[in-house]
């Protein structure tokens, strides 16, 4: 299971601030968003994606055992990864909290 964290500001747009999603080999961030949309509603997809890409105001980060990195909608996710979404306007605040 992949743990999903969504910032409070973005949660107001998509309807949830955390979730757990089953991940299988080869799943991408877009696949995770599709599963969230199946569970929480179409507003998740429109709140996070613009077509097949992340919206320009959304940043996604993957936290794994070894590192934290920014990811795109096409990035593959491992079952033990944590995935975080936040708005670009929150980027400085989130980055400062992590240090």
N, C-alpha and C. Protein backbone atom coordinates (compact mmCIF):
# COMPACT_ATOMS: atom_id res chain seq x y z
N UNK A 1 0.84 -1.19 0.00
CA UNK A 1 0.00 0.00 0.00
C UNK A 1 0.88 1.25 0.00
N UNK A 2 0.47 2.18 -0.78
CA UNK A 2 1.16 3.47 -0.86
C UNK A 2 0.35 4.48 -0.05
N UNK A 3 1.02 5.15 0.86
CA UNK A 3 0.35 6.19 1.63
C UNK A 3 0.37 7.49 0.84
N UNK A 4 -0.78 8.15 0.77
CA UNK A 4 -0.93 9.40 0.02
C UNK A 4 -1.22 10.52 1.02
N UNK A 5 -0.46 11.60 0.93
CA UNK A 5 -0.70 12.80 1.74
C UNK A 5 -1.01 13.94 0.78
N UNK A 6 -2.07 14.67 1.07
CA UNK A 6 -2.48 15.81 0.25
C UNK A 6 -2.58 17.02 1.15
N UNK A 7 -1.93 18.11 0.78
CA UNK A 7 -1.93 19.30 1.62
C UNK A 7 -3.36 19.79 1.86
N UNK A 8 -3.54 20.50 2.95
CA UNK A 8 -4.89 20.98 3.30
C UNK A 8 -5.51 21.86 2.22
N UNK A 9 -4.72 22.75 1.67
CA UNK A 9 -5.27 23.62 0.62
C UNK A 9 -5.71 22.82 -0.59
N UNK A 10 -4.91 21.84 -0.98
CA UNK A 10 -5.25 21.00 -2.12
C UNK A 10 -6.38 20.03 -1.77
N UNK A 11 -6.43 19.59 -0.52
CA UNK A 11 -7.50 18.69 -0.08
C UNK A 11 -8.87 19.34 -0.25
N UNK A 12 -8.95 20.64 -0.07
CA UNK A 12 -10.22 21.35 -0.27
C UNK A 12 -10.69 21.21 -1.71
N UNK A 13 -9.75 21.09 -2.63
CA UNK A 13 -10.07 20.95 -4.05
C UNK A 13 -10.45 19.51 -4.41
N UNK A 14 -9.75 18.54 -3.82
CA UNK A 14 -9.93 17.15 -4.24
C UNK A 14 -10.80 16.31 -3.31
N UNK A 15 -11.02 16.77 -2.09
CA UNK A 15 -11.96 16.09 -1.21
C UNK A 15 -11.38 15.12 -0.21
N UNK A 16 -10.06 15.00 -0.12
CA UNK A 16 -9.44 14.15 0.90
C UNK A 16 -8.04 14.67 1.18
N UNK A 17 -7.52 14.39 2.38
CA UNK A 17 -6.16 14.84 2.68
C UNK A 17 -5.20 13.66 2.90
N UNK A 18 -5.74 12.44 3.03
CA UNK A 18 -4.86 11.28 3.07
C UNK A 18 -5.63 10.04 2.65
N UNK A 19 -4.87 9.08 2.15
CA UNK A 19 -5.48 7.84 1.68
C UNK A 19 -4.39 6.78 1.58
N UNK A 20 -4.80 5.55 1.40
CA UNK A 20 -3.90 4.44 1.12
C UNK A 20 -4.39 3.79 -0.16
N UNK A 21 -3.47 3.53 -1.07
CA UNK A 21 -3.82 2.98 -2.37
C UNK A 21 -2.95 1.77 -2.65
N UNK A 22 -3.57 0.72 -3.14
CA UNK A 22 -2.82 -0.47 -3.54
C UNK A 22 -2.00 -0.15 -4.79
N UNK A 23 -0.74 -0.55 -4.75
CA UNK A 23 0.18 -0.30 -5.87
C UNK A 23 0.73 -1.63 -6.34
N UNK A 24 0.75 -1.81 -7.65
CA UNK A 24 1.40 -2.99 -8.24
C UNK A 24 2.53 -2.50 -9.14
N UNK A 25 3.44 -3.41 -9.43
CA UNK A 25 4.61 -3.06 -10.24
C UNK A 25 4.20 -2.36 -11.53
N UNK A 26 4.87 -1.27 -11.83
CA UNK A 26 4.60 -0.53 -13.05
C UNK A 26 3.57 0.59 -12.90
N UNK A 27 2.91 0.69 -11.74
CA UNK A 27 1.94 1.77 -11.54
C UNK A 27 2.64 3.12 -11.54
N UNK A 28 1.96 4.10 -12.11
CA UNK A 28 2.48 5.46 -12.16
C UNK A 28 1.67 6.36 -11.23
N UNK A 29 2.15 7.57 -11.06
CA UNK A 29 1.42 8.56 -10.27
C UNK A 29 0.01 8.73 -10.86
N UNK A 30 -0.11 8.74 -12.17
CA UNK A 30 -1.42 8.87 -12.82
C UNK A 30 -2.34 7.72 -12.43
N UNK A 31 -1.80 6.49 -12.36
CA UNK A 31 -2.59 5.33 -11.93
C UNK A 31 -3.10 5.53 -10.50
N UNK A 32 -2.26 6.06 -9.65
CA UNK A 32 -2.64 6.32 -8.25
C UNK A 32 -3.76 7.35 -8.21
N UNK A 33 -3.62 8.41 -8.99
CA UNK A 33 -4.66 9.45 -9.04
C UNK A 33 -5.97 8.85 -9.56
N UNK A 34 -5.91 7.99 -10.56
CA UNK A 34 -7.12 7.35 -11.07
C UNK A 34 -7.80 6.51 -9.98
N UNK A 35 -7.01 5.79 -9.18
CA UNK A 35 -7.61 5.00 -8.09
C UNK A 35 -8.23 5.91 -7.03
N UNK A 36 -7.56 7.02 -6.74
CA UNK A 36 -8.14 7.98 -5.78
C UNK A 36 -9.45 8.53 -6.32
N UNK A 37 -9.49 8.82 -7.61
CA UNK A 37 -10.72 9.35 -8.22
C UNK A 37 -11.83 8.31 -8.18
N UNK A 38 -11.49 7.05 -8.37
CA UNK A 38 -12.51 6.00 -8.28
C UNK A 38 -13.12 5.95 -6.89
N UNK A 39 -12.29 6.19 -5.87
CA UNK A 39 -12.76 6.11 -4.49
C UNK A 39 -13.42 7.40 -4.00
N UNK A 40 -12.86 8.56 -4.36
CA UNK A 40 -13.31 9.83 -3.79
C UNK A 40 -14.08 10.72 -4.75
N UNK A 41 -14.09 10.39 -6.04
CA UNK A 41 -14.83 11.18 -7.01
C UNK A 41 -13.95 11.82 -8.07
N UNK A 42 -14.60 12.21 -9.16
CA UNK A 42 -13.90 12.77 -10.33
C UNK A 42 -13.14 14.05 -10.02
N UNK A 43 -13.53 14.76 -8.94
CA UNK A 43 -12.85 16.00 -8.60
C UNK A 43 -11.38 15.76 -8.26
N UNK A 44 -11.03 14.55 -7.85
CA UNK A 44 -9.63 14.24 -7.57
C UNK A 44 -8.81 14.35 -8.84
N UNK A 45 -9.31 13.73 -9.90
CA UNK A 45 -8.59 13.76 -11.18
C UNK A 45 -8.47 15.19 -11.70
N UNK A 46 -9.57 15.92 -11.71
CA UNK A 46 -9.52 17.29 -12.24
C UNK A 46 -8.73 18.22 -11.32
N UNK A 47 -8.66 17.89 -10.03
CA UNK A 47 -7.91 18.73 -9.09
C UNK A 47 -6.41 18.52 -9.16
N UNK A 48 -6.00 17.33 -9.65
CA UNK A 48 -4.57 17.02 -9.70
C UNK A 48 -4.00 16.93 -11.11
N UNK A 49 -4.84 16.60 -12.08
CA UNK A 49 -4.36 16.41 -13.45
C UNK A 49 -4.95 17.42 -14.42
N UNK A 50 -4.16 17.76 -15.41
CA UNK A 50 -4.61 18.53 -16.56
C UNK A 50 -4.36 17.62 -17.77
N UNK A 51 -5.37 16.91 -18.18
CA UNK A 51 -5.19 15.88 -19.20
C UNK A 51 -4.44 14.71 -18.59
N UNK A 52 -3.28 14.38 -19.17
CA UNK A 52 -2.46 13.28 -18.66
C UNK A 52 -1.30 13.76 -17.80
N UNK A 53 -1.23 15.06 -17.55
CA UNK A 53 -0.11 15.64 -16.79
C UNK A 53 -0.61 16.19 -15.47
N UNK A 54 0.31 16.34 -14.52
CA UNK A 54 -0.04 17.05 -13.30
C UNK A 54 -0.38 18.49 -13.65
N UNK A 55 -1.35 19.05 -12.96
CA UNK A 55 -1.68 20.46 -13.17
C UNK A 55 -0.45 21.31 -12.87
N UNK A 56 -0.35 22.44 -13.52
CA UNK A 56 0.84 23.29 -13.35
C UNK A 56 0.97 23.84 -11.94
N UNK A 57 -0.12 23.84 -11.16
CA UNK A 57 -0.04 24.33 -9.78
C UNK A 57 0.09 23.22 -8.75
N UNK A 58 0.40 21.99 -9.20
CA UNK A 58 0.51 20.85 -8.30
C UNK A 58 1.93 20.28 -8.36
N UNK A 59 2.50 20.03 -7.19
CA UNK A 59 3.80 19.37 -7.07
C UNK A 59 3.57 18.03 -6.40
N UNK A 60 4.17 16.99 -6.95
CA UNK A 60 4.10 15.66 -6.35
C UNK A 60 5.51 15.23 -5.96
N UNK A 61 5.62 14.65 -4.76
CA UNK A 61 6.90 14.14 -4.28
C UNK A 61 6.73 12.71 -3.82
N UNK A 62 7.73 11.90 -4.13
CA UNK A 62 7.76 10.51 -3.68
C UNK A 62 8.80 10.41 -2.57
N UNK A 63 8.39 9.80 -1.46
CA UNK A 63 9.30 9.53 -0.35
C UNK A 63 9.49 8.01 -0.31
N UNK A 64 10.73 7.58 -0.50
CA UNK A 64 11.05 6.17 -0.43
C UNK A 64 12.07 5.98 0.69
N UNK A 65 12.49 4.75 0.91
CA UNK A 65 13.47 4.48 1.96
C UNK A 65 14.76 5.24 1.74
N UNK A 66 15.13 5.44 0.50
CA UNK A 66 16.43 6.01 0.17
C UNK A 66 16.42 7.51 -0.09
N UNK A 67 15.28 8.08 -0.53
CA UNK A 67 15.30 9.48 -0.95
C UNK A 67 13.91 10.07 -1.05
N UNK A 68 13.91 11.37 -1.24
CA UNK A 68 12.70 12.12 -1.57
C UNK A 68 12.97 12.81 -2.89
N UNK A 69 12.00 12.70 -3.82
CA UNK A 69 12.21 13.32 -5.12
C UNK A 69 10.89 13.79 -5.71
N UNK A 70 10.97 14.81 -6.53
CA UNK A 70 9.79 15.27 -7.26
C UNK A 70 9.49 14.26 -8.35
N UNK A 71 8.19 14.06 -8.62
CA UNK A 71 7.77 13.10 -9.63
C UNK A 71 6.75 13.74 -10.56
N UNK A 72 6.57 13.11 -11.72
CA UNK A 72 5.58 13.55 -12.69
C UNK A 72 4.45 12.52 -12.73
N UNK A 73 3.46 12.77 -13.53
CA UNK A 73 2.34 11.83 -13.67
C UNK A 73 2.82 10.49 -14.24
N UNK A 74 3.91 10.49 -14.99
CA UNK A 74 4.42 9.27 -15.61
C UNK A 74 5.42 8.51 -14.73
N UNK A 75 5.78 9.06 -13.59
CA UNK A 75 6.75 8.40 -12.70
C UNK A 75 6.16 7.14 -12.08
N UNK A 76 6.96 6.09 -12.02
CA UNK A 76 6.51 4.84 -11.40
C UNK A 76 6.62 4.94 -9.88
N UNK A 77 5.68 4.29 -9.21
CA UNK A 77 5.61 4.30 -7.75
C UNK A 77 5.76 2.86 -7.26
N UNK A 78 6.52 2.68 -6.19
CA UNK A 78 6.69 1.37 -5.56
C UNK A 78 5.68 1.22 -4.42
N UNK A 79 5.31 -0.01 -4.08
CA UNK A 79 4.30 -0.23 -3.03
C UNK A 79 4.62 0.41 -1.68
N UNK A 80 5.89 0.50 -1.30
CA UNK A 80 6.24 1.07 0.00
C UNK A 80 6.49 2.56 -0.03
N UNK A 81 6.36 3.19 -1.19
CA UNK A 81 6.58 4.64 -1.29
C UNK A 81 5.44 5.40 -0.62
N UNK A 82 5.75 6.61 -0.20
CA UNK A 82 4.73 7.56 0.21
C UNK A 82 4.68 8.64 -0.86
N UNK A 83 3.50 9.10 -1.18
CA UNK A 83 3.32 10.10 -2.23
C UNK A 83 2.65 11.32 -1.62
N UNK A 84 3.21 12.47 -1.88
CA UNK A 84 2.71 13.73 -1.31
C UNK A 84 2.37 14.69 -2.44
N UNK A 85 1.21 15.32 -2.33
CA UNK A 85 0.80 16.35 -3.29
C UNK A 85 0.61 17.66 -2.55
N UNK A 86 1.10 18.74 -3.14
CA UNK A 86 0.80 20.07 -2.60
C UNK A 86 0.81 21.09 -3.74
N UNK A 87 0.27 22.25 -3.44
CA UNK A 87 0.22 23.33 -4.43
C UNK A 87 1.58 23.99 -4.56
N UNK A 88 1.90 24.50 -5.74
CA UNK A 88 3.17 25.19 -5.92
C UNK A 88 3.28 26.39 -4.98
N UNK A 89 2.17 27.03 -4.67
CA UNK A 89 2.20 28.17 -3.76
C UNK A 89 2.59 27.77 -2.34
N UNK A 90 2.49 26.47 -2.01
CA UNK A 90 2.87 25.97 -0.70
C UNK A 90 4.29 25.41 -0.68
N UNK A 91 4.95 25.40 -1.81
CA UNK A 91 6.24 24.73 -1.95
C UNK A 91 7.28 25.20 -0.92
N UNK A 92 7.45 26.49 -0.77
CA UNK A 92 8.45 27.01 0.18
C UNK A 92 8.13 26.58 1.61
N UNK A 93 6.85 26.66 1.97
CA UNK A 93 6.44 26.28 3.31
C UNK A 93 6.71 24.80 3.56
N UNK A 94 6.33 23.94 2.63
CA UNK A 94 6.52 22.50 2.78
C UNK A 94 8.00 22.17 2.80
N UNK A 95 8.81 22.80 1.95
CA UNK A 95 10.24 22.55 1.89
C UNK A 95 10.90 22.96 3.21
N UNK A 96 10.52 24.10 3.76
CA UNK A 96 11.09 24.57 5.01
C UNK A 96 10.72 23.67 6.19
N UNK A 97 9.51 23.12 6.19
CA UNK A 97 9.08 22.21 7.26
C UNK A 97 9.87 20.92 7.23
N UNK A 98 10.29 20.50 6.06
CA UNK A 98 11.00 19.23 5.91
C UNK A 98 12.44 19.33 6.37
N UNK A 99 12.99 20.53 6.46
CA UNK A 99 14.40 20.68 6.85
C UNK A 99 14.55 20.95 8.31
